Amino acid sequence: MGDDFVHGYPHVERVMRLGEEIASEVGNVDMNLLRLAVYLHDIGRRIGEPHAYYSARLAGGILSEWGVGEDVVKLVVNAIEYHSFSYARSRGVKPLSVEAMVLSDADKLDALGIVGFLRVMAYGFENGRSVEESLRHFDEKIFKLKDLLHFDASRRLAEELEARTRTAVSWLAEELGIKPITWQGRY
């Protein structure tokens, strides 16, 4: 994980901060459970995809080895599996706790705003995507995230962050002379 801006420790810290903000409005959130899930949710990324699967397996092993109770391990593993929409959908994973939903929302929110814009572009460059492909990714996935959020608090945060993202996408497309029709943009 390290200092990787896209999925490393800085991402985890942002997800924790967003999770705390959501939890403060939602209430009745076990912050210790949330912290465990947040700090371990991407530890399997270096192994590959599906990262939610690998992260959940590693987290379960680590927590069990540390003597964490089986009930807590089960909830953390579920939260990690559930945070990835594509993994959860393909495997039929449902959230077992409010903490799973908070992690899911917080992780999705970190894909929005200027930070989210930079993360998508950096990930695209790291993985050989063209600028146009990365811009398309906003329409194909990023701008649909708001519809997947569980809480009013999350949706309120998403409104402002998405507006910033749309502005950044629009400006980049304009400066590069990319016509919206090329990548289905609506900005």
C-alpha atoms as a PDB file:
ATOM      1  CA  MET A   1       0.000   0.000   0.000  1.00  0.00           C
ATOM      2  CA  GLY A   2       2.604   2.532   1.060  1.00  0.00           C
ATOM      3  CA  ASP A   3       2.231   6.143   0.037  1.00  0.00           C
ATOM      4  CA  ASP A   4       0.424   5.334  -3.227  1.00  0.00           C
ATOM      5  CA  PHE A   5      -2.014   8.227  -3.715  1.00  0.00           C
ATOM      6  CA  VAL A   6      -4.534   6.096  -5.580  1.00  0.00           C
ATOM      7  CA  HIS A   7      -4.984   3.141  -3.196  1.00  0.00           C
ATOM      8  CA  GLY A   8      -2.308   3.468  -0.523  1.00  0.00           C
ATOM      9  CA  TYR A   9      -2.239   4.921   2.957  1.00  0.00           C
ATOM     10  CA  PRO A  10      -3.305   8.448   1.869  1.00  0.00           C
ATOM     11  CA  HIS A  11      -6.459   6.892   0.349  1.00  0.00           C
ATOM     12  CA  VAL A  12      -7.112   4.904   3.518  1.00  0.00           C
ATOM     13  CA  GLU A  13      -6.763   8.053   5.647  1.00  0.00           C
ATOM     14  CA  ARG A  14      -9.217   9.922   3.413  1.00  0.00           C
ATOM     15  CA  VAL A  15     -11.690   7.019   3.556  1.00  0.00           C
ATOM     16  CA  MET A  16     -11.393   6.986   7.358  1.00  0.00           C
ATOM     17  CA  ARG A  17     -12.030  10.732   7.545  1.00  0.00           C
ATOM     18  CA  LEU A  18     -15.061  10.406   5.247  1.00  0.00           C
ATOM     19  CA  GLY A  19     -16.259   7.383   7.236  1.00  0.00           C
ATOM     20  CA  GLU A  20     -16.052   9.358  10.477  1.00  0.00           C
ATOM     21  CA  GLU A  21     -18.029  12.200   8.917  1.00  0.00           C
ATOM     22  CA  ILE A  22     -20.743   9.839   7.680  1.00  0.00           C
ATOM     23  CA  ALA A  23     -20.819   7.934  10.988  1.00  0.00           C
ATOM     24  CA  SER A  24     -21.258  11.145  12.978  1.00  0.00           C
ATOM     25  CA  GLU A  25     -24.539  11.782  11.147  1.00  0.00           C
ATOM     26  CA  VAL A  26     -25.712   8.176  10.894  1.00  0.00           C
ATOM     27  CA  GLY A  27     -25.108   7.338  14.548  1.00  0.00           C
ATOM     28  CA  ASN A  28     -24.918   3.899  16.159  1.00  0.00           C
ATOM     29  CA  VAL A  29     -21.704   3.018  14.296  1.00  0.00           C
ATOM     30  CA  ASP A  30     -19.082   0.852  16.015  1.00  0.00           C
ATOM     31  CA  MET A  31     -16.041   3.003  15.268  1.00  0.00           C
ATOM     32  CA  ASN A  32     -13.573   0.260  16.190  1.00  0.00           C
ATOM     33  CA  LEU A  33     -15.185  -2.108  13.696  1.00  0.00           C
ATOM     34  CA  LEU A  34     -15.238   0.653  11.080  1.00  0.00           C
ATOM     35  CA  ARG A  35     -11.546   1.447  11.663  1.00  0.00           C
ATOM     36  CA  LEU A  36     -10.553  -2.193  11.241  1.00  0.00           C
ATOM     37  CA  ALA A  37     -12.527  -2.462   8.000  1.00  0.00           C
ATOM     38  CA  VAL A  38     -11.248   0.839   6.604  1.00  0.00           C
ATOM     39  CA  TYR A  39      -7.590   0.244   7.383  1.00  0.00           C
ATOM     40  CA  LEU A  40      -7.663  -3.265   5.920  1.00  0.00           C
ATOM     41  CA  HIS A  41     -10.037  -2.773   2.963  1.00  0.00           C
ATOM     42  CA  ASP A  42      -7.352  -2.489   0.257  1.00  0.00           C
ATOM     43  CA  ILE A  43      -4.502  -4.604   1.665  1.00  0.00           C
ATOM     44  CA  GLY A  44      -4.982  -7.222  -1.057  1.00  0.00           C
ATOM     45  CA  ARG A  45      -4.590  -4.811  -3.984  1.00  0.00           C
ATOM     46  CA  ARG A  46      -0.986  -5.809  -4.648  1.00  0.00           C
ATOM     47  CA  ILE A  47      -2.112  -9.395  -5.163  1.00  0.00           C
ATOM     48  CA  GLY A  48      -4.520  -8.332  -7.897  1.00  0.00           C
ATOM     49  CA  GLU A  49      -8.205  -8.524  -8.686  1.00  0.00           C
ATOM     50  CA  PRO A  50     -10.651  -9.092  -7.270  1.00  0.00           C
ATOM     51  CA  HIS A  51      -8.935  -7.022  -4.613  1.00  0.00           C
ATOM     52  CA  ALA A  52     -11.952  -7.159  -2.281  1.00  0.00           C
ATOM     53  CA  TYR A  53     -11.606 -10.948  -2.146  1.00  0.00           C
ATOM     54  CA  TYR A  54      -7.869 -10.872  -1.440  1.00  0.00           C
ATOM     55  CA  SER A  55      -8.179  -8.015   1.048  1.00  0.00           C
ATOM     56  CA  ALA A  56     -10.954  -9.834   2.926  1.00  0.00           C
ATOM     57  CA  ARG A  57      -8.962 -13.078   3.094  1.00  0.00           C
ATOM     58  CA  LEU A  58      -5.826 -11.314   4.326  1.00  0.00           C
ATOM     59  CA  ALA A  59      -7.775  -9.229   6.856  1.00  0.00           C
ATOM     60  CA  GLY A  60      -9.595 -12.287   8.180  1.00  0.00           C
ATOM     61  CA  GLY A  61      -6.305 -14.110   8.649  1.00  0.00           C
ATOM     62  CA  ILE A  62      -4.593 -11.187  10.346  1.00  0.00           C
ATOM     63  CA  LEU A  63      -7.484 -10.491  12.708  1.00  0.00           C
ATOM     64  CA  SER A  64      -7.867 -14.172  13.612  1.00  0.00           C
ATOM     65  CA  GLU A  65      -4.139 -14.411  14.259  1.00  0.00           C
ATOM     66  CA  TRP A  66      -4.405 -11.378  16.554  1.00  0.00           C
ATOM     67  CA  GLY A  67      -7.122 -13.143  18.535  1.00  0.00           C
ATOM     68  CA  VAL A  68      -9.984 -10.923  17.411  1.00  0.00           C
ATOM     69  CA  GLY A  69     -13.361 -12.549  18.035  1.00  0.00           C
ATOM     70  CA  GLU A  70     -14.952 -14.562  15.250  1.00  0.00           C
ATOM     71  CA  ASP A  71     -18.033 -12.312  15.167  1.00  0.00           C
ATOM     72  CA  VAL A  72     -15.898  -9.198  14.596  1.00  0.00           C
ATOM     73  CA  VAL A  73     -13.767 -10.968  11.979  1.00  0.00           C
ATOM     74  CA  LYS A  74     -16.929 -11.972  10.106  1.00  0.00           C
ATOM     75  CA  LEU A  75     -18.216  -8.377  10.093  1.00  0.00           C
ATOM     76  CA  VAL A  76     -14.874  -6.905   8.974  1.00  0.00           C
ATOM     77  CA  VAL A  77     -14.512  -9.487   6.192  1.00  0.00           C
ATOM     78  CA  ASN A  78     -18.065  -8.757   5.045  1.00  0.00           C
ATOM     79  CA  ALA A  79     -17.460  -4.985   5.058  1.00  0.00           C
ATOM     80  CA  ILE A  80     -14.319  -5.424   2.961  1.00  0.00           C
ATOM     81  CA  GLU A  81     -16.058  -7.712   0.477  1.00  0.00           C
ATOM     82  CA  TYR A  82     -19.038  -5.365   0.287  1.00  0.00           C
ATOM     83  CA  HIS A  83     -17.043  -2.152  -0.267  1.00  0.00           C
ATOM     84  CA  SER A  84     -16.368  -3.126  -3.879  1.00  0.00           C
ATOM     85  CA  PHE A  85     -19.625  -2.744  -5.789  1.00  0.00           C
ATOM     86  CA  SER A  86     -18.527  -4.961  -8.677  1.00  0.00           C
ATOM     87  CA  TYR A  87     -17.297  -7.725  -6.372  1.00  0.00           C
ATOM     88  CA  ALA A  88     -20.356  -7.560  -4.098  1.00  0.00           C
ATOM     89  CA  ARG A  89     -22.736  -7.584  -7.066  1.00  0.00           C
ATOM     90  CA  SER A  90     -20.997 -10.479  -8.821  1.00  0.00           C
ATOM     91  CA  ARG A  91     -20.853 -12.582  -5.622  1.00  0.00           C
ATOM     92  CA  GLY A  92     -24.196 -11.591  -4.110  1.00  0.00           C
ATOM     93  CA  VAL A  93     -22.545 -10.057  -1.044  1.00  0.00           C
ATOM     94  CA  LYS A  94     -24.995  -8.124   1.148  1.00  0.00           C
ATOM     95  CA  PRO A  95     -23.963  -5.826   4.010  1.00  0.00           C
ATOM     96  CA  LEU A  96     -24.200  -7.406   7.454  1.00  0.00           C
ATOM     97  CA  SER A  97     -23.652  -4.144   9.326  1.00  0.00           C
ATOM     98  CA  VAL A  98     -24.020  -0.403   9.156  1.00  0.00           C
ATOM     99  CA  GLU A  99     -20.209  -0.262   9.216  1.00  0.00           C
ATOM    100  CA  ALA A 100     -20.087  -2.158   5.899  1.00  0.00           C
ATOM    101  CA  MET A 101     -22.356   0.461   4.354  1.00  0.00           C
ATOM    102  CA  VAL A 102     -20.319   3.341   5.816  1.00  0.00           C
ATOM    103  CA  LEU A 103     -17.081   1.881   4.405  1.00  0.00           C
ATOM    104  CA  SER A 104     -18.727   1.360   1.025  1.00  0.00           C
ATOM    105  CA  ASP A 105     -19.958   4.951   0.906  1.00  0.00           C
ATOM    106  CA  ALA A 106     -16.709   6.486   2.163  1.00  0.00           C
ATOM    107  CA  ASP A 107     -14.627   4.544  -0.360  1.00  0.00           C
ATOM    108  CA  LYS A 108     -16.905   5.645  -3.203  1.00  0.00           C
ATOM    109  CA  LEU A 109     -16.772   9.274  -2.058  1.00  0.00           C
ATOM    110  CA  ASP A 110     -12.973   9.224  -2.352  1.00  0.00           C
ATOM    111  CA  ALA A 111     -13.465   8.653  -6.100  1.00  0.00           C
ATOM    112  CA  LEU A 112     -15.171  12.061  -6.358  1.00  0.00           C
ATOM    113  CA  GLY A 113     -13.958  15.651  -6.061  1.00  0.00           C
ATOM    114  CA  ILE A 114     -10.588  16.890  -7.205  1.00  0.00           C
ATOM    115  CA  VAL A 115      -8.895  14.087  -5.260  1.00  0.00           C
ATOM    116  CA  GLY A 116     -11.092  11.557  -7.037  1.00  0.00           C
ATOM    117  CA  PHE A 117     -10.374  13.185 -10.390  1.00  0.00           C
ATOM    118  CA  LEU A 118      -6.628  12.908  -9.735  1.00  0.00           C
ATOM    119  CA  ARG A 119      -6.988   9.305  -8.559  1.00  0.00           C
ATOM    120  CA  VAL A 120      -8.860   8.270 -11.719  1.00  0.00           C
ATOM    121  CA  MET A 121      -6.346   9.993 -13.975  1.00  0.00           C
ATOM    122  CA  ALA A 122      -3.333   8.590 -12.071  1.00  0.00           C
ATOM    123  CA  TYR A 123      -4.811   5.076 -12.102  1.00  0.00           C
ATOM    124  CA  GLY A 124      -5.438   5.431 -15.829  1.00  0.00           C
ATOM    125  CA  PHE A 125      -1.859   6.508 -16.524  1.00  0.00           C
ATOM    126  CA  GLU A 126      -0.484   3.696 -14.334  1.00  0.00           C
ATOM    127  CA  ASN A 127      -2.559   1.157 -16.246  1.00  0.00           C
ATOM    128  CA  GLY A 128      -1.961   2.395 -19.781  1.00  0.00           C
ATOM    129  CA  ARG A 129      -5.307   4.110 -20.368  1.00  0.00           C
ATOM    130  CA  SER A 130      -5.483   7.060 -22.717  1.00  0.00           C
ATOM    131  CA  VAL A 131      -6.801  10.361 -21.402  1.00  0.00           C
ATOM    132  CA  GLU A 132      -9.968   9.772 -23.421  1.00  0.00           C
ATOM    133  CA  GLU A 133     -10.438   6.341 -21.817  1.00  0.00           C
ATOM    134  CA  SER A 134     -10.017   7.839 -18.363  1.00  0.00           C
ATOM    135  CA  LEU A 135     -12.532  10.562 -19.188  1.00  0.00           C
ATOM    136  CA  ARG A 136     -14.976   7.902 -20.387  1.00  0.00           C
ATOM    137  CA  HIS A 137     -14.510   6.119 -17.055  1.00  0.00           C
ATOM    138  CA  PHE A 138     -16.173   9.047 -15.308  1.00  0.00           C
ATOM    139  CA  ASP A 139     -19.365   8.476 -17.305  1.00  0.00           C
ATOM    140  CA  GLU A 140     -19.157   4.700 -17.188  1.00  0.00           C
ATOM    141  CA  LYS A 141     -18.572   4.421 -13.442  1.00  0.00           C
ATOM    142  CA  ILE A 142     -17.647   7.444 -11.351  1.00  0.00           C
ATOM    143  CA  PHE A 143     -20.748   9.544 -12.030  1.00  0.00           C
ATOM    144  CA  LYS A 144     -22.945   6.552 -11.181  1.00  0.00           C
ATOM    145  CA  LEU A 145     -21.482   6.117  -7.693  1.00  0.00           C
ATOM    146  CA  LYS A 146     -23.882   8.593  -6.088  1.00  0.00           C
ATOM    147  CA  ASP A 147     -26.763   6.233  -6.908  1.00  0.00           C
ATOM    148  CA  LEU A 148     -25.071   3.468  -4.891  1.00  0.00           C
ATOM    149  CA  LEU A 149     -24.718   5.410  -1.642  1.00  0.00           C
ATOM    150  CA  HIS A 150     -26.642   4.273   1.438  1.00  0.00           C
ATOM    151  CA  PHE A 151     -27.013   7.386   3.565  1.00  0.00           C
ATOM    152  CA  ASP A 152     -28.350  10.919   3.157  1.00  0.00           C
ATOM    153  CA  ALA A 153     -25.101  12.181   4.690  1.00  0.00           C
ATOM    154  CA  SER A 154     -23.128  10.402   1.956  1.00  0.00           C
ATOM    155  CA  ARG A 155     -25.362  11.739  -0.800  1.00  0.00           C
ATOM    156  CA  ARG A 156     -24.982  15.299   0.509  1.00  0.00           C
ATOM    157  CA  LEU A 157     -21.203  14.963   0.434  1.00  0.00           C
ATOM    158  CA  ALA A 158     -21.388  13.439  -3.047  1.00  0.00           C
ATOM    159  CA  GLU A 159     -23.356  16.387  -4.468  1.00  0.00           C
ATOM    160  CA  GLU A 160     -20.568  18.903  -3.944  1.00  0.00           C
ATOM    161  CA  LEU A 161     -17.777  16.463  -4.744  1.00  0.00           C
ATOM    162  CA  GLU A 162     -19.425  15.360  -7.982  1.00  0.00           C
ATOM    163  CA  ALA A 163     -19.889  18.981  -9.071  1.00  0.00           C
ATOM    164  CA  ARG A 164     -16.152  19.550  -8.590  1.00  0.00           C
ATOM    165  CA  THR A 165     -15.371  16.379 -10.529  1.00  0.00           C
ATOM    166  CA  ARG A 166     -17.613  17.386 -13.425  1.00  0.00           C
ATOM    167  CA  THR A 167     -15.902  20.779 -13.575  1.00  0.00           C
ATOM    168  CA  ALA A 168     -12.439  19.187 -13.662  1.00  0.00           C
ATOM    169  CA  VAL A 169     -13.497  16.698 -16.343  1.00  0.00           C
ATOM    170  CA  SER A 170     -15.074  19.460 -18.408  1.00  0.00           C
ATOM    171  CA  TRP A 171     -12.032  21.717 -18.152  1.00  0.00           C
ATOM    172  CA  LEU A 172      -9.628  18.942 -19.094  1.00  0.00           C
ATOM    173  CA  ALA A 173     -11.737  17.914 -22.088  1.00  0.00           C
ATOM    174  CA  GLU A 174     -12.005  21.544 -23.194  1.00  0.00           C
ATOM    175  CA  GLU A 175      -8.271  22.190 -22.876  1.00  0.00           C
ATOM    176  CA  LEU A 176      -7.479  19.029 -24.838  1.00  0.00           C
ATOM    177  CA  GLY A 177     -10.057  19.855 -27.478  1.00  0.00           C
ATOM    178  CA  ILE A 178     -11.954  16.646 -26.828  1.00  0.00           C
ATOM    179  CA  LYS A 179     -15.531  16.960 -27.963  1.00  0.00           C
ATOM    180  CA  PRO A 180     -18.089  15.578 -25.504  1.00  0.00           C
ATOM    181  CA  ILE A 181     -19.531  13.320 -28.196  1.00  0.00           C
ATOM    182  CA  THR A 182     -16.164  11.510 -28.313  1.00  0.00           C
ATOM    183  CA  TRP A 183     -16.496  10.240 -24.752  1.00  0.00           C
ATOM    184  CA  GLN A 184     -20.209  10.639 -24.089  1.00  0.00           C
ATOM    185  CA  GLY A 185     -19.663  13.520 -21.693  1.00  0.00           C
ATOM    186  CA  ARG A 186     -22.489  15.773 -20.584  1.00  0.00           C
ATOM    187  CA  TYR A 187     -20.593  18.703 -19.170  1.00  0.00           C
END
